[in-house]
Amino acid sequence: MPTPGLPEIAIILVIVLVIFGPKRLPDLGRSLGSGMKQFKDSVTGKDDDQELAAGDKKPEPVRAEKSEATPAGGQSS
């Protein structure tokens, strides 16, 4: 199957322009680009956690302090 040449690509672009109109083409390109980026990130295994800058640190979990609890009977010694 031969690859499409310049005339075929021009015809396809004219058809896309007629169908979507000149006002919708930037939105169409933007959503297509973001979809390709998400697909690429999912294939490479890139997570949002890896995108943190070097200066940003994850917050450490809060540690619970030991408290003097009374026994189940309610009496303390």
PDB file of N, CA and C in Angstrom:
ATOM      1  N   MET A   1       0.856  -1.170   0.000  1.00  0.00           N
ATOM      2  CA  MET A   1       0.000   0.000   0.000  1.00  0.00           C
ATOM      3  C   MET A   1       0.904   1.235   0.000  1.00  0.00           C
ATOM      4  N   PRO A   2       0.801   2.049  -1.022  1.00  0.00           N
ATOM      5  CA  PRO A   2       1.662   3.236  -1.109  1.00  0.00           C
ATOM      6  C   PRO A   2       1.237   4.303  -0.103  1.00  0.00           C
ATOM      7  N   THR A   3       2.208   5.097   0.303  1.00  0.00           N
ATOM      8  CA  THR A   3       1.915   6.183   1.237  1.00  0.00           C
ATOM      9  C   THR A   3       1.244   7.327   0.488  1.00  0.00           C
ATOM     10  N   PRO A   4       0.382   8.070   1.170  1.00  0.00           N
ATOM     11  CA  PRO A   4      -0.298   9.187   0.493  1.00  0.00           C
ATOM     12  C   PRO A   4       0.691  10.293   0.133  1.00  0.00           C
ATOM     13  N   GLY A   5       0.528  10.824  -1.061  1.00  0.00           N
ATOM     14  CA  GLY A   5       1.398  11.899  -1.520  1.00  0.00           C
ATOM     15  C   GLY A   5       0.835  13.260  -1.161  1.00  0.00           C
ATOM     16  N   LEU A   6       1.448  14.298  -1.714  1.00  0.00           N
ATOM     17  CA  LEU A   6       1.041  15.669  -1.424  1.00  0.00           C
ATOM     18  C   LEU A   6      -0.393  15.971  -1.881  1.00  0.00           C
ATOM     19  N   PRO A   7      -0.812  15.544  -3.088  1.00  0.00           N
ATOM     20  CA  PRO A   7      -2.204  15.833  -3.489  1.00  0.00           C
ATOM     21  C   PRO A   7      -3.240  15.162  -2.578  1.00  0.00           C
ATOM     22  N   GLU A   8      -2.965  13.932  -2.167  1.00  0.00           N
ATOM     23  CA  GLU A   8      -3.918  13.232  -1.301  1.00  0.00           C
ATOM     24  C   GLU A   8      -4.013  13.905   0.064  1.00  0.00           C
ATOM     25  N   ILE A   9      -2.878  14.327   0.612  1.00  0.00           N
ATOM     26  CA  ILE A   9      -2.888  15.010   1.908  1.00  0.00           C
ATOM     27  C   ILE A   9      -3.628  16.338   1.806  1.00  0.00           C
ATOM     28  N   ALA A  10      -3.447  17.064   0.700  1.00  0.00           N
ATOM     29  CA  ALA A  10      -4.145  18.339   0.504  1.00  0.00           C
ATOM     30  C   ALA A  10      -5.652  18.123   0.429  1.00  0.00           C
ATOM     31  N   ILE A  11      -6.078  17.090  -0.258  1.00  0.00           N
ATOM     32  CA  ILE A  11      -7.518  16.793  -0.359  1.00  0.00           C
ATOM     33  C   ILE A  11      -8.080  16.444   1.017  1.00  0.00           C
ATOM     34  N   ILE A  12      -7.354  15.653   1.787  1.00  0.00           N
ATOM     35  CA  ILE A  12      -7.809  15.292   3.135  1.00  0.00           C
ATOM     36  C   ILE A  12      -7.926  16.532   4.013  1.00  0.00           C
ATOM     37  N   LEU A  13      -6.942  17.439   3.941  1.00  0.00           N
ATOM     38  CA  LEU A  13      -6.994  18.666   4.739  1.00  0.00           C
ATOM     39  C   LEU A  13      -8.166  19.557   4.344  1.00  0.00           C
ATOM     40  N   VAL A  14      -8.470  19.643   3.049  1.00  0.00           N
ATOM     41  CA  VAL A  14      -9.619  20.441   2.598  1.00  0.00           C
ATOM     42  C   VAL A  14     -10.914  19.834   3.119  1.00  0.00           C
ATOM     43  N   ILE A  15     -11.032  18.518   3.085  1.00  0.00           N
ATOM     44  CA  ILE A  15     -12.244  17.856   3.584  1.00  0.00           C
ATOM     45  C   ILE A  15     -12.397  18.096   5.087  1.00  0.00           C
ATOM     46  N   VAL A  16     -11.306  17.999   5.841  1.00  0.00           N
ATOM     47  CA  VAL A  16     -11.354  18.255   7.286  1.00  0.00           C
ATOM     48  C   VAL A  16     -11.758  19.696   7.548  1.00  0.00           C
ATOM     49  N   LEU A  17     -11.230  20.635   6.763  1.00  0.00           N
ATOM     50  CA  LEU A  17     -11.569  22.048   6.927  1.00  0.00           C
ATOM     51  C   LEU A  17     -13.046  22.296   6.642  1.00  0.00           C
ATOM     52  N   VAL A  18     -13.587  21.640   5.633  1.00  0.00           N
ATOM     53  CA  VAL A  18     -15.008  21.813   5.299  1.00  0.00           C
ATOM     54  C   VAL A  18     -15.890  21.203   6.388  1.00  0.00           C
ATOM     55  N   ILE A  19     -15.512  20.046   6.901  1.00  0.00           N
ATOM     56  CA  ILE A  19     -16.341  19.367   7.907  1.00  0.00           C
ATOM     57  C   ILE A  19     -16.327  20.117   9.236  1.00  0.00           C
ATOM     58  N   PHE A  20     -15.154  20.468   9.729  1.00  0.00           N
ATOM     59  CA  PHE A  20     -15.051  21.054  11.059  1.00  0.00           C
ATOM     60  C   PHE A  20     -15.086  22.574  11.067  1.00  0.00           C
ATOM     61  N   GLY A  21     -14.691  23.217  10.008  1.00  0.00           N
ATOM     62  CA  GLY A  21     -14.674  24.670   9.967  1.00  0.00           C
ATOM     63  C   GLY A  21     -13.398  25.231  10.557  1.00  0.00           C
ATOM     64  N   PRO A  22     -13.050  26.455  10.171  1.00  0.00           N
ATOM     65  CA  PRO A  22     -11.784  27.032  10.633  1.00  0.00           C
ATOM     66  C   PRO A  22     -11.764  27.368  12.128  1.00  0.00           C
ATOM     67  N   LYS A  23     -12.917  27.556  12.747  1.00  0.00           N
ATOM     68  CA  LYS A  23     -12.944  27.918  14.171  1.00  0.00           C
ATOM     69  C   LYS A  23     -12.697  26.716  15.074  1.00  0.00           C
ATOM     70  N   ARG A  24     -13.041  25.524  14.606  1.00  0.00           N
ATOM     71  CA  ARG A  24     -12.885  24.333  15.441  1.00  0.00           C
ATOM     72  C   ARG A  24     -11.538  23.647  15.266  1.00  0.00           C
ATOM     73  N   LEU A  25     -10.766  24.006  14.267  1.00  0.00           N
ATOM     74  CA  LEU A  25      -9.498  23.323  14.022  1.00  0.00           C
ATOM     75  C   LEU A  25      -8.495  23.471  15.169  1.00  0.00           C
ATOM     76  N   PRO A  26      -8.322  24.654  15.787  1.00  0.00           N
ATOM     77  CA  PRO A  26      -7.386  24.721  16.923  1.00  0.00           C
ATOM     78  C   PRO A  26      -7.804  23.836  18.096  1.00  0.00           C
ATOM     79  N   ASP A  27      -9.102  23.789  18.392  1.00  0.00           N
ATOM     80  CA  ASP A  27      -9.583  22.920  19.473  1.00  0.00           C
ATOM     81  C   ASP A  27      -9.352  21.450  19.130  1.00  0.00           C
ATOM     82  N   LEU A  28      -9.584  21.107  17.878  1.00  0.00           N
ATOM     83  CA  LEU A  28      -9.387  19.732  17.436  1.00  0.00           C
ATOM     84  C   LEU A  28      -7.916  19.335  17.554  1.00  0.00           C
ATOM     85  N   GLY A  29      -7.026  20.212  17.127  1.00  0.00           N
ATOM     86  CA  GLY A  29      -5.594  19.939  17.235  1.00  0.00           C
ATOM     87  C   GLY A  29      -5.125  19.852  18.674  1.00  0.00           C
ATOM     88  N   ARG A  30      -5.660  20.723  19.531  1.00  0.00           N
ATOM     89  CA  ARG A  30      -5.281  20.727  20.946  1.00  0.00           C
ATOM     90  C   ARG A  30      -5.714  19.428  21.627  1.00  0.00           C
ATOM     91  N   SER A  31      -6.937  18.998  21.383  1.00  0.00           N
ATOM     92  CA  SER A  31      -7.413  17.771  22.017  1.00  0.00           C
ATOM     93  C   SER A  31      -6.702  16.544  21.448  1.00  0.00           C
ATOM     94  N   LEU A  32      -6.367  16.568  20.176  1.00  0.00           N
ATOM     95  CA  LEU A  32      -5.616  15.464  19.590  1.00  0.00           C
ATOM     96  C   LEU A  32      -4.212  15.395  20.193  1.00  0.00           C
ATOM     97  N   GLY A  33      -3.587  16.544  20.367  1.00  0.00           N
ATOM     98  CA  GLY A  33      -2.248  16.584  20.964  1.00  0.00           C
ATOM     99  C   GLY A  33      -2.239  16.124  22.408  1.00  0.00           C
ATOM    100  N   SER A  34      -3.231  16.545  23.196  1.00  0.00           N
ATOM    101  CA  SER A  34      -3.266  16.117  24.602  1.00  0.00           C
ATOM    102  C   SER A  34      -3.559  14.622  24.704  1.00  0.00           C
ATOM    103  N   GLY A  35      -4.377  14.107  23.808  1.00  0.00           N
ATOM    104  CA  GLY A  35      -4.642  12.668  23.800  1.00  0.00           C
ATOM    105  C   GLY A  35      -3.402  11.861  23.466  1.00  0.00           C
ATOM    106  N   MET A  36      -2.620  12.355  22.504  1.00  0.00           N
ATOM    107  CA  MET A  36      -1.375  11.674  22.154  1.00  0.00           C
ATOM    108  C   MET A  36      -0.378  11.722  23.309  1.00  0.00           C
ATOM    109  N   LYS A  37      -0.343  12.850  24.033  1.00  0.00           N
ATOM    110  CA  LYS A  37       0.575  12.980  25.178  1.00  0.00           C
ATOM    111  C   LYS A  37       0.174  12.020  26.297  1.00  0.00           C
ATOM    112  N   GLN A  38      -1.128  11.914  26.572  1.00  0.00           N
ATOM    113  CA  GLN A  38      -1.587  10.996  27.609  1.00  0.00           C
ATOM    114  C   GLN A  38      -1.282   9.550  27.227  1.00  0.00           C
ATOM    115  N   PHE A  39      -1.468   9.221  25.954  1.00  0.00           N
ATOM    116  CA  PHE A  39      -1.173   7.867  25.489  1.00  0.00           C
ATOM    117  C   PHE A  39       0.316   7.566  25.635  1.00  0.00           C
ATOM    118  N   LYS A  40       1.152   8.509  25.243  1.00  0.00           N
ATOM    119  CA  LYS A  40       2.603   8.330  25.349  1.00  0.00           C
ATOM    120  C   LYS A  40       3.019   8.161  26.807  1.00  0.00           C
ATOM    121  N   ASP A  41       2.444   8.976  27.702  1.00  0.00           N
ATOM    122  CA  ASP A  41       2.776   8.877  29.122  1.00  0.00           C
ATOM    123  C   ASP A  41       2.340   7.534  29.704  1.00  0.00           C
ATOM    124  N   SER A  42       1.187   7.031  29.280  1.00  0.00           N
ATOM    125  CA  SER A  42       0.722   5.754  29.816  1.00  0.00           C
ATOM    126  C   SER A  42       1.553   4.594  29.286  1.00  0.00           C
ATOM    127  N   VAL A  43       2.026   4.692  28.052  1.00  0.00           N
ATOM    128  CA  VAL A  43       2.847   3.626  27.489  1.00  0.00           C
ATOM    129  C   VAL A  43       4.214   3.589  28.159  1.00  0.00           C
ATOM    130  N   THR A  44       4.795   4.752  28.419  1.00  0.00           N
ATOM    131  CA  THR A  44       6.117   4.796  29.042  1.00  0.00           C
ATOM    132  C   THR A  44       6.048   4.583  30.546  1.00  0.00           C
ATOM    133  N   GLY A  45       4.865   4.595  31.134  1.00  0.00           N
ATOM    134  CA  GLY A  45       4.717   4.365  32.566  1.00  0.00           C
ATOM    135  C   GLY A  45       4.990   5.593  33.395  1.00  0.00           C
ATOM    136  N   LYS A  46       4.905   6.748  32.808  1.00  0.00           N
ATOM    137  CA  LYS A  46       5.166   7.988  33.531  1.00  0.00           C
ATOM    138  C   LYS A  46       3.945   8.322  34.387  1.00  0.00           C
ATOM    139  N   ASP A  47       4.198   8.582  35.683  1.00  0.00           N
ATOM    140  CA  ASP A  47       3.117   8.925  36.604  1.00  0.00           C
ATOM    141  C   ASP A  47       3.198  10.395  36.964  1.00  0.00           C
ATOM    142  N   ASP A  48       2.144  10.895  37.576  1.00  0.00           N
ATOM    143  CA  ASP A  48       2.137  12.273  38.057  1.00  0.00           C
ATOM    144  C   ASP A  48       3.151  12.461  39.177  1.00  0.00           C
ATOM    145  N   ASP A  49       3.433  11.391  39.935  1.00  0.00           N
ATOM    146  CA  ASP A  49       4.386  11.491  41.036  1.00  0.00           C
ATOM    147  C   ASP A  49       5.794  11.780  40.527  1.00  0.00           C
ATOM    148  N   GLN A  50       6.111  11.311  39.345  1.00  0.00           N
ATOM    149  CA  GLN A  50       7.444  11.513  38.796  1.00  0.00           C
ATOM    150  C   GLN A  50       7.626  12.917  38.258  1.00  0.00           C
ATOM    151  N   GLU A  51       6.547  13.649  38.068  1.00  0.00           N
ATOM    152  CA  GLU A  51       6.619  14.987  37.509  1.00  0.00           C
ATOM    153  C   GLU A  51       6.903  16.055  38.559  1.00  0.00           C
ATOM    154  N   LEU A  52       7.024  15.677  39.830  1.00  0.00           N
ATOM    155  CA  LEU A  52       7.306  16.657  40.870  1.00  0.00           C
ATOM    156  C   LEU A  52       8.685  17.254  40.640  1.00  0.00           C
ATOM    157  N   ALA A  53       8.796  18.521  40.888  1.00  0.00           N
ATOM    158  CA  ALA A  53      10.088  19.185  40.729  1.00  0.00           C
ATOM    159  C   ALA A  53      11.033  18.731  41.829  1.00  0.00           C
ATOM    160  N   ALA A  54      12.310  18.992  41.649  1.00  0.00           N
ATOM    161  CA  ALA A  54      13.306  18.542  42.622  1.00  0.00           C
ATOM    162  C   ALA A  54      13.102  19.225  43.969  1.00  0.00           C
ATOM    163  N   GLY A  55      12.634  20.468  43.979  1.00  0.00           N
ATOM    164  CA  GLY A  55      12.428  21.196  45.228  1.00  0.00           C
ATOM    165  C   GLY A  55      11.156  20.790  45.943  1.00  0.00           C
ATOM    166  N   ASP A  56      10.217  20.223  45.235  1.00  0.00           N
ATOM    167  CA  ASP A  56       8.959  19.819  45.856  1.00  0.00           C
ATOM    168  C   ASP A  56       9.147  18.468  46.526  1.00  0.00           C
ATOM    169  N   LYS A  57       8.670  18.380  47.741  1.00  0.00           N
ATOM    170  CA  LYS A  57       8.734  17.121  48.463  1.00  0.00           C
ATOM    171  C   LYS A  57       7.328  16.705  48.832  1.00  0.00           C
ATOM    172  N   LYS A  58       7.124  15.414  48.869  1.00  0.00           N
ATOM    173  CA  LYS A  58       5.826  14.912  49.297  1.00  0.00           C
ATOM    174  C   LYS A  58       5.680  15.163  50.792  1.00  0.00           C
ATOM    175  N   PRO A  59       4.495  15.515  51.230  1.00  0.00           N
ATOM    176  CA  PRO A  59       4.310  15.724  52.666  1.00  0.00           C
ATOM    177  C   PRO A  59       4.453  14.398  53.404  1.00  0.00           C
ATOM    178  N   GLU A  60       5.136  14.465  54.541  1.00  0.00           N
ATOM    179  CA  GLU A  60       5.314  13.262  55.338  1.00  0.00           C
ATOM    180  C   GLU A  60       4.034  12.969  56.102  1.00  0.00           C
ATOM    181  N   PRO A  61       3.708  11.693  56.284  1.00  0.00           N
ATOM    182  CA  PRO A  61       2.490  11.362  57.028  1.00  0.00           C
ATOM    183  C   PRO A  61       2.617  11.791  58.484  1.00  0.00           C
ATOM    184  N   VAL A  62       1.512  12.207  59.044  1.00  0.00           N
ATOM    185  CA  VAL A  62       1.488  12.660  60.433  1.00  0.00           C
ATOM    186  C   VAL A  62       1.525  11.437  61.331  1.00  0.00           C
ATOM    187  N   ARG A  63       2.436  11.466  62.289  1.00  0.00           N
ATOM    188  CA  ARG A  63       2.555  10.346  63.214  1.00  0.00           C
ATOM    189  C   ARG A  63       1.692  10.608  64.436  1.00  0.00           C
ATOM    190  N   ALA A  64       0.970   9.593  64.838  1.00  0.00           N
ATOM    191  CA  ALA A  64       0.130   9.715  66.025  1.00  0.00           C
ATOM    192  C   ALA A  64       1.001   9.550  67.267  1.00  0.00           C
ATOM    193  N   GLU A  65       0.785  10.434  68.232  1.00  0.00           N
ATOM    194  CA  GLU A  65       1.543  10.344  69.474  1.00  0.00           C
ATOM    195  C   GLU A  65       0.890   9.318  70.389  1.00  0.00           C
ATOM    196  N   LYS A  66       1.733   8.685  71.215  1.00  0.00           N
ATOM    197  CA  LYS A  66       1.201   7.724  72.175  1.00  0.00           C
ATOM    198  C   LYS A  66       0.448   8.474  73.255  1.00  0.00           C
ATOM    199  N   SER A  67      -0.719   8.006  73.565  1.00  0.00           N
ATOM    200  CA  SER A  67      -1.485   8.646  74.632  1.00  0.00           C
ATOM    201  C   SER A  67      -1.735   7.621  75.735  1.00  0.00           C
ATOM    202  N   GLU A  68      -1.850   8.118  76.922  1.00  0.00           N
ATOM    203  CA  GLU A  68      -2.136   7.264  78.067  1.00  0.00           C
ATOM    204  C   GLU A  68      -3.630   6.978  78.065  1.00  0.00           C
ATOM    205  N   ALA A  69      -3.995   5.811  77.615  1.00  0.00           N
ATOM    206  CA  ALA A  69      -5.404   5.439  77.562  1.00  0.00           C
ATOM    207  C   ALA A  69      -5.776   4.670  78.824  1.00  0.00           C
ATOM    208  N   THR A  70      -7.003   4.836  79.246  1.00  0.00           N
ATOM    209  CA  THR A  70      -7.478   4.102  80.414  1.00  0.00           C
ATOM    210  C   THR A  70      -7.895   2.709  79.974  1.00  0.00           C
ATOM    211  N   PRO A  71      -7.829   1.738  80.861  1.00  0.00           N
ATOM    212  CA  PRO A  71      -8.254   0.383  80.506  1.00  0.00           C
ATOM    213  C   PRO A  71      -9.733   0.358  80.138  1.00  0.00           C
ATOM    214  N   ALA A  72     -10.147  -0.750  79.580  1.00  0.00           N
ATOM    215  CA  ALA A  72     -11.520  -0.883  79.107  1.00  0.00           C
ATOM    216  C   ALA A  72     -12.538  -0.734  80.232  1.00  0.00           C
ATOM    217  N   GLY A  73     -12.173  -1.046  81.455  1.00  0.00           N
ATOM    218  CA  GLY A  73     -13.085  -0.937  82.588  1.00  0.00           C
ATOM    219  C   GLY A  73     -13.348   0.503  82.995  1.00  0.00           C
ATOM    220  N   GLY A  74     -12.536   1.439  82.523  1.00  0.00           N
ATOM    221  CA  GLY A  74     -12.729   2.834  82.848  1.00  0.00           C
ATOM    222  C   GLY A  74     -11.993   3.281  84.089  1.00  0.00           C
ATOM    223  N   GLN A  75     -11.282   2.380  84.761  1.00  0.00           N
ATOM    224  CA  GLN A  75     -10.551   2.748  85.968  1.00  0.00           C
ATOM    225  C   GLN A  75      -9.072   2.883  85.625  1.00  0.00           C
ATOM    226  N   SER A  76      -8.473   3.935  86.130  1.00  0.00           N
ATOM    227  CA  SER A  76      -7.036   4.103  85.920  1.00  0.00           C
ATOM    228  C   SER A  76      -6.302   3.777  87.205  1.00  0.00           C
ATOM    229  N   SER A  77      -5.082   3.319  87.125  1.00  0.00           N
ATOM    230  CA  SER A  77      -4.350   2.940  88.326  1.00  0.00           C
ATOM    231  C   SER A  77      -3.537   4.065  88.887  1.00  0.00           C
TER     232      SER A  77
END
